[in-house]
Amino acid sequence: MRVAIAQVNSGPDPEDNLRLVREWTARASGTGADLVVFPEAMMRRFGLPLREVAEPVDGPWADGVRAVARESGRTIAVGMFTPAPDGRVRNTLLLTGPEVDTAYDKIHLYDAFGYRESDTVAPGTDPVTATVAGVRIGLATCYDVRFPGLFTRLAGQGAQVVVLCASWGDGPGKVDQWRLLTRARALDSTTFVVACGQASPPDGTGAGSAPTGIGHSVVVSPWGRPLAEAGPEARLIDVEIDPDEVARARAAIPVLTDARL
């Protein structure tokens, strides 16, 4: 499986952001990617009202992503917002393409470092896996990376790759934490972790305490080894993933079967 990460900055306008999805999917198609991964909050960046742009997963914005996937023949993972019954939204990761159409609602909400995602976002409840190009994919979003149990559960459901879409908050030590956590989760679950973050805002200002991105998207092997990492700026990276490597890692480091708690 070939995976491309589109590390970009989303803005305030969902239609402009959908055009970014189309443009960067076209770029990724040139690499032969089976799966193109975009950041969390691709529909609209954090630091702006979310309820006014939220749409169901069968709404026009998601259908626009489906059209891009259909026209390009690629599977796309992209962060959006869907309405929640209590007036908040859900932070939803859409995965759609020739063989799959599913969505994951972020379970662990970012109530940390002075930001309260739960004020405007309702949590999801269920882990999600799907198959793309014969490879089992698990889905996770940003703050989820701090919770190893989700990653081991996805592995227990057959995931060989975990797609992690993020809009990581900036601050002292946050790049180091991102690198450490993505590598640790790959080792915990003996999966490839494909972690796509928002690029660092080009004006360098961000949006106060809102997590608007630091870049450093990365693909980590099930051995915990980074295979490719971006810098802070917008860019495309692509990596060939060998799912047989997961079986080799699990044979050598059987943490999933050896676990007692």
Protein backbone atom coordinates (compact mmCIF):
# COMPACT_ATOMS: atom_id res chain seq x y z
CA MET A 1 0.00 0.00 0.00
CA ARG A 2 1.23 3.48 -0.85
CA VAL A 3 0.15 6.26 1.52
CA ALA A 4 0.40 10.01 0.94
CA ILE A 5 0.12 12.62 3.69
CA ALA A 6 -1.13 16.07 2.67
CA GLN A 7 0.15 18.36 5.42
CA VAL A 8 -1.75 21.58 4.74
CA ASN A 9 -3.46 24.45 6.57
CA SER A 10 -7.22 24.60 6.51
CA GLY A 11 -8.89 28.00 6.74
CA PRO A 12 -12.28 29.43 7.67
CA ASP A 13 -14.19 28.58 4.46
CA PRO A 14 -15.26 24.93 3.96
CA GLU A 15 -15.47 25.40 0.19
CA ASP A 16 -11.93 26.73 0.01
CA ASN A 17 -10.82 23.80 2.14
CA LEU A 18 -12.60 21.36 -0.15
CA ARG A 19 -10.65 22.86 -3.05
CA LEU A 20 -7.48 22.14 -1.09
CA VAL A 21 -8.59 18.52 -0.76
CA ARG A 22 -9.09 18.35 -4.52
CA GLU A 23 -5.75 20.04 -5.31
CA TRP A 24 -3.62 17.97 -2.94
CA THR A 25 -5.36 14.71 -3.85
CA ALA A 26 -4.40 15.42 -7.46
CA ARG A 27 -0.79 15.90 -6.34
CA ALA A 28 -0.89 12.68 -4.33
CA SER A 29 -2.33 10.78 -7.29
CA GLY A 30 0.97 11.41 -9.06
CA THR A 31 2.72 9.29 -6.43
CA GLY A 32 0.39 6.35 -7.04
CA ALA A 33 -0.98 6.59 -3.49
CA ASP A 34 -3.82 4.25 -2.54
CA LEU A 35 -4.66 6.36 0.50
CA VAL A 36 -4.41 10.16 0.86
CA VAL A 37 -4.53 11.47 4.42
CA PHE A 38 -5.50 15.03 5.35
CA PRO A 39 -5.45 16.68 8.79
CA GLU A 40 -8.06 16.96 11.50
CA ALA A 41 -10.31 20.05 11.20
CA MET A 42 -9.88 20.15 7.43
CA MET A 43 -13.45 21.40 7.04
CA ARG A 44 -12.63 24.49 9.15
CA ARG A 45 -9.63 25.21 11.34
CA PHE A 46 -9.93 25.42 15.11
CA GLY A 47 -10.35 28.82 16.75
CA LEU A 48 -13.50 29.59 14.72
CA PRO A 49 -17.18 28.68 15.28
CA LEU A 50 -17.79 25.07 14.26
CA ARG A 51 -21.53 24.49 14.64
CA GLU A 52 -22.36 26.84 11.75
CA VAL A 53 -20.37 24.70 9.27
CA ALA A 54 -21.13 21.22 10.65
CA GLU A 55 -22.90 18.86 8.26
CA PRO A 56 -23.86 15.19 8.46
CA VAL A 57 -21.59 12.63 6.81
CA ASP A 58 -24.10 12.41 3.94
CA GLY A 59 -24.12 16.20 3.50
CA PRO A 60 -22.69 18.30 0.66
CA TRP A 61 -19.17 18.78 2.06
CA ALA A 62 -18.60 15.09 2.61
CA ASP A 63 -20.18 14.38 -0.77
CA GLY A 64 -17.63 16.79 -2.26
CA VAL A 65 -14.85 14.70 -0.74
CA ARG A 66 -16.50 11.56 -2.12
CA ALA A 67 -16.53 13.14 -5.56
CA VAL A 68 -12.78 13.82 -5.31
CA ALA A 69 -12.18 10.23 -4.20
CA ARG A 70 -14.30 8.90 -7.05
CA GLU A 71 -12.69 11.07 -9.71
CA SER A 72 -9.15 10.32 -8.52
CA GLY A 73 -9.69 6.64 -7.73
CA ARG A 74 -8.07 7.22 -4.30
CA THR A 75 -9.25 6.66 -0.77
CA ILE A 76 -9.25 9.85 1.30
CA ALA A 77 -9.11 10.34 5.07
CA VAL A 78 -10.12 13.85 6.13
CA GLY A 79 -11.28 15.65 9.27
CA MET A 80 -14.67 17.37 9.33
CA PHE A 81 -17.39 18.35 11.81
CA THR A 82 -20.83 16.78 12.08
CA PRO A 83 -23.80 17.92 14.22
CA ALA A 84 -24.30 16.38 17.66
CA PRO A 85 -27.79 16.16 19.19
CA ASP A 86 -26.94 18.40 22.18
CA GLY A 87 -26.03 21.45 20.08
CA ARG A 88 -22.32 20.72 19.99
CA VAL A 89 -20.57 19.08 17.03
CA ARG A 90 -18.65 15.84 16.65
CA ASN A 91 -15.05 15.86 15.47
CA THR A 92 -15.40 13.36 12.65
CA LEU A 93 -12.80 11.60 10.53
CA LEU A 94 -14.27 10.59 7.16
CA LEU A 95 -12.69 7.70 5.26
CA THR A 96 -14.07 7.31 1.77
CA GLY A 97 -12.96 5.76 -1.51
CA PRO A 98 -13.58 3.04 -4.07
CA GLU A 99 -13.93 0.26 -1.45
CA VAL A 100 -14.96 2.06 1.72
CA ASP A 101 -17.19 4.77 3.15
CA THR A 102 -17.12 5.12 6.93
CA ALA A 103 -16.48 7.68 9.65
CA TYR A 104 -15.02 7.86 13.15
CA ASP A 105 -16.06 10.35 15.84
CA LYS A 106 -13.14 11.42 18.04
CA ILE A 107 -13.41 9.73 21.43
CA HIS A 108 -10.84 11.64 23.51
CA LEU A 109 -11.45 15.39 23.53
CA TYR A 110 -8.66 17.92 23.96
CA ASP A 111 -9.35 19.48 27.34
CA ALA A 112 -5.71 20.31 28.02
CA PHE A 113 -3.13 23.09 27.85
CA GLY A 114 -5.79 25.74 28.50
CA TYR A 115 -8.15 24.60 25.70
CA ARG A 116 -11.53 22.88 26.20
CA GLU A 117 -12.62 21.04 23.09
CA SER A 118 -15.53 19.50 25.01
CA ASP A 119 -17.21 22.91 25.31
CA THR A 120 -18.11 22.73 21.62
CA VAL A 121 -17.45 19.08 20.66
CA ALA A 122 -19.27 15.96 21.87
CA PRO A 123 -17.21 12.76 22.22
CA GLY A 124 -17.62 9.67 20.10
CA THR A 125 -17.86 6.21 21.64
CA ASP A 126 -16.77 3.53 19.17
CA PRO A 127 -13.42 2.62 17.58
CA VAL A 128 -13.59 2.21 13.80
CA THR A 129 -11.64 0.01 11.40
CA ALA A 130 -12.00 -0.49 7.65
CA THR A 131 -10.16 -2.14 4.78
CA VAL A 132 -8.31 -0.16 2.09
CA ALA A 133 -6.34 -1.88 -0.69
CA GLY A 134 -6.45 -5.12 1.29
CA VAL A 135 -4.98 -3.51 4.42
CA ARG A 136 -6.92 -3.11 7.66
CA ILE A 137 -6.97 0.53 8.79
CA GLY A 138 -7.83 1.92 12.23
CA LEU A 139 -8.85 5.54 12.71
CA ALA A 140 -7.77 8.00 15.41
CA THR A 141 -7.72 11.76 15.87
CA CYS A 142 -5.13 14.01 17.53
CA TYR A 143 -5.52 13.81 21.37
CA ASP A 144 -6.38 10.11 20.95
CA VAL A 145 -2.62 9.56 20.55
CA ARG A 146 -2.19 10.04 24.32
CA PHE A 147 -4.38 6.98 25.03
CA PRO A 148 -2.60 3.70 24.22
CA GLY A 149 -5.71 1.61 24.88
CA LEU A 150 -7.41 2.88 21.75
CA PHE A 151 -4.45 1.85 19.59
CA THR A 152 -4.17 -1.62 21.10
CA ARG A 153 -7.93 -2.05 20.71
CA LEU A 154 -7.73 -1.09 17.04
CA ALA A 155 -4.90 -3.61 16.63
CA GLY A 156 -7.07 -6.21 18.36
CA GLN A 157 -9.74 -5.49 15.74
CA GLY A 158 -7.22 -6.31 13.03
CA ALA A 159 -5.71 -2.92 12.25
CA GLN A 160 -2.31 -3.07 10.56
CA VAL A 161 -2.19 0.69 10.04
CA VAL A 162 -3.60 3.44 12.25
CA VAL A 163 -4.39 6.70 10.47
CA LEU A 164 -4.05 9.56 12.96
CA CYS A 165 -5.31 12.95 11.76
CA ALA A 166 -4.37 15.91 13.92
CA SER A 167 -4.27 19.65 14.46
CA TRP A 168 -1.62 19.57 17.17
CA GLY A 169 -1.38 22.52 19.55
CA ASP A 170 1.88 24.44 19.58
CA GLY A 171 3.91 25.14 22.71
CA PRO A 172 7.10 24.24 24.56
CA GLY A 173 8.06 20.62 23.98
CA LYS A 174 5.01 19.84 21.85
CA VAL A 175 6.98 18.67 18.79
CA ASP A 176 8.98 16.32 21.01
CA GLN A 177 5.79 14.99 22.57
CA TRP A 178 4.24 14.41 19.14
CA ARG A 179 7.27 12.46 17.96
CA LEU A 180 7.44 10.41 21.15
CA LEU A 181 3.73 9.62 21.24
CA THR A 182 3.43 8.57 17.60
CA ARG A 183 6.42 6.23 17.98
CA ALA A 184 5.13 4.85 21.27
CA ARG A 185 1.68 4.11 19.85
CA ALA A 186 3.23 2.29 16.89
CA LEU A 187 5.19 0.13 19.34
CA ASP A 188 2.19 -0.39 21.66
CA SER A 189 0.04 -1.68 18.83
CA THR A 190 2.72 -2.99 16.45
CA THR A 191 1.04 -1.09 13.64
CA PHE A 192 2.17 1.50 11.15
CA VAL A 193 1.07 4.91 12.41
CA VAL A 194 0.31 7.38 9.62
CA ALA A 195 0.06 10.70 11.43
CA CYS A 196 -1.02 13.77 9.45
CA GLY A 197 -1.07 17.14 11.18
CA GLN A 198 -2.01 20.63 10.11
CA ALA A 199 1.01 22.56 8.93
CA SER A 200 2.26 25.36 11.15
CA PRO A 201 0.21 28.50 10.34
CA PRO A 202 2.15 30.43 7.69
CA ASP A 203 1.86 33.74 9.56
CA GLY A 204 3.25 32.09 12.70
CA THR A 205 0.43 33.39 14.86
CA GLY A 206 -2.02 30.50 15.20
CA ALA A 207 -5.32 31.26 16.93
CA GLY A 208 -4.64 31.83 20.63
CA SER A 209 -4.93 28.60 22.60
CA ALA A 210 -6.71 26.82 19.73
CA PRO A 211 -4.69 23.90 18.30
CA THR A 212 -3.93 25.11 14.79
CA GLY A 213 -1.00 22.87 13.90
CA ILE A 214 2.75 22.44 14.11
CA GLY A 215 3.39 20.21 11.09
CA HIS A 216 5.81 17.30 11.55
CA SER A 217 3.50 14.73 10.01
CA VAL A 218 5.15 11.35 10.22
CA VAL A 219 4.86 7.71 9.20
CA VAL A 220 6.14 5.30 11.86
CA SER A 221 6.80 1.59 11.33
CA PRO A 222 5.53 -1.11 13.75
CA TRP A 223 9.11 -1.22 15.06
CA GLY A 224 8.78 2.41 16.18
CA ARG A 225 11.05 3.72 13.42
CA PRO A 226 10.07 6.94 11.58
CA LEU A 227 9.99 6.26 7.83
CA ALA A 228 9.31 9.86 6.77
CA GLU A 229 8.71 13.13 8.61
CA ALA A 230 7.72 16.55 7.37
CA GLY A 231 8.89 19.86 8.75
CA PRO A 232 6.51 22.61 9.88
CA GLU A 233 5.53 23.87 6.42
CA ALA A 234 2.85 22.60 4.04
CA ARG A 235 4.09 19.64 2.01
CA LEU A 236 3.26 16.19 0.66
CA ILE A 237 5.07 13.08 1.83
CA ASP A 238 4.47 9.56 0.58
CA VAL A 239 5.59 6.16 1.84
CA GLU A 240 5.23 2.57 0.69
CA ILE A 241 3.85 0.39 3.50
CA ASP A 242 4.43 -3.37 3.60
CA PRO A 243 1.65 -4.93 5.72
CA ASP A 244 3.75 -8.10 6.10
CA GLU A 245 6.06 -6.01 8.29
CA VAL A 246 3.29 -5.92 10.90
CA ALA A 247 3.23 -9.72 11.11
CA ARG A 248 7.03 -9.79 11.46
CA ALA A 249 6.97 -7.21 14.23
CA ARG A 250 4.21 -9.03 16.09
CA ALA A 251 6.11 -12.30 15.89
CA ALA A 252 9.24 -10.66 17.30
CA ILE A 253 7.52 -8.39 19.86
CA PRO A 254 4.22 -10.12 20.83
CA VAL A 255 3.00 -7.37 23.15
CA LEU A 256 -0.62 -7.81 22.04
CA THR A 257 -0.76 -11.52 22.89
CA ASP A 258 1.51 -11.25 25.96
CA ALA A 259 -0.59 -8.54 27.64
CA ARG A 260 -2.06 -9.61 30.99
CA LEU A 261 -3.89 -6.43 31.97
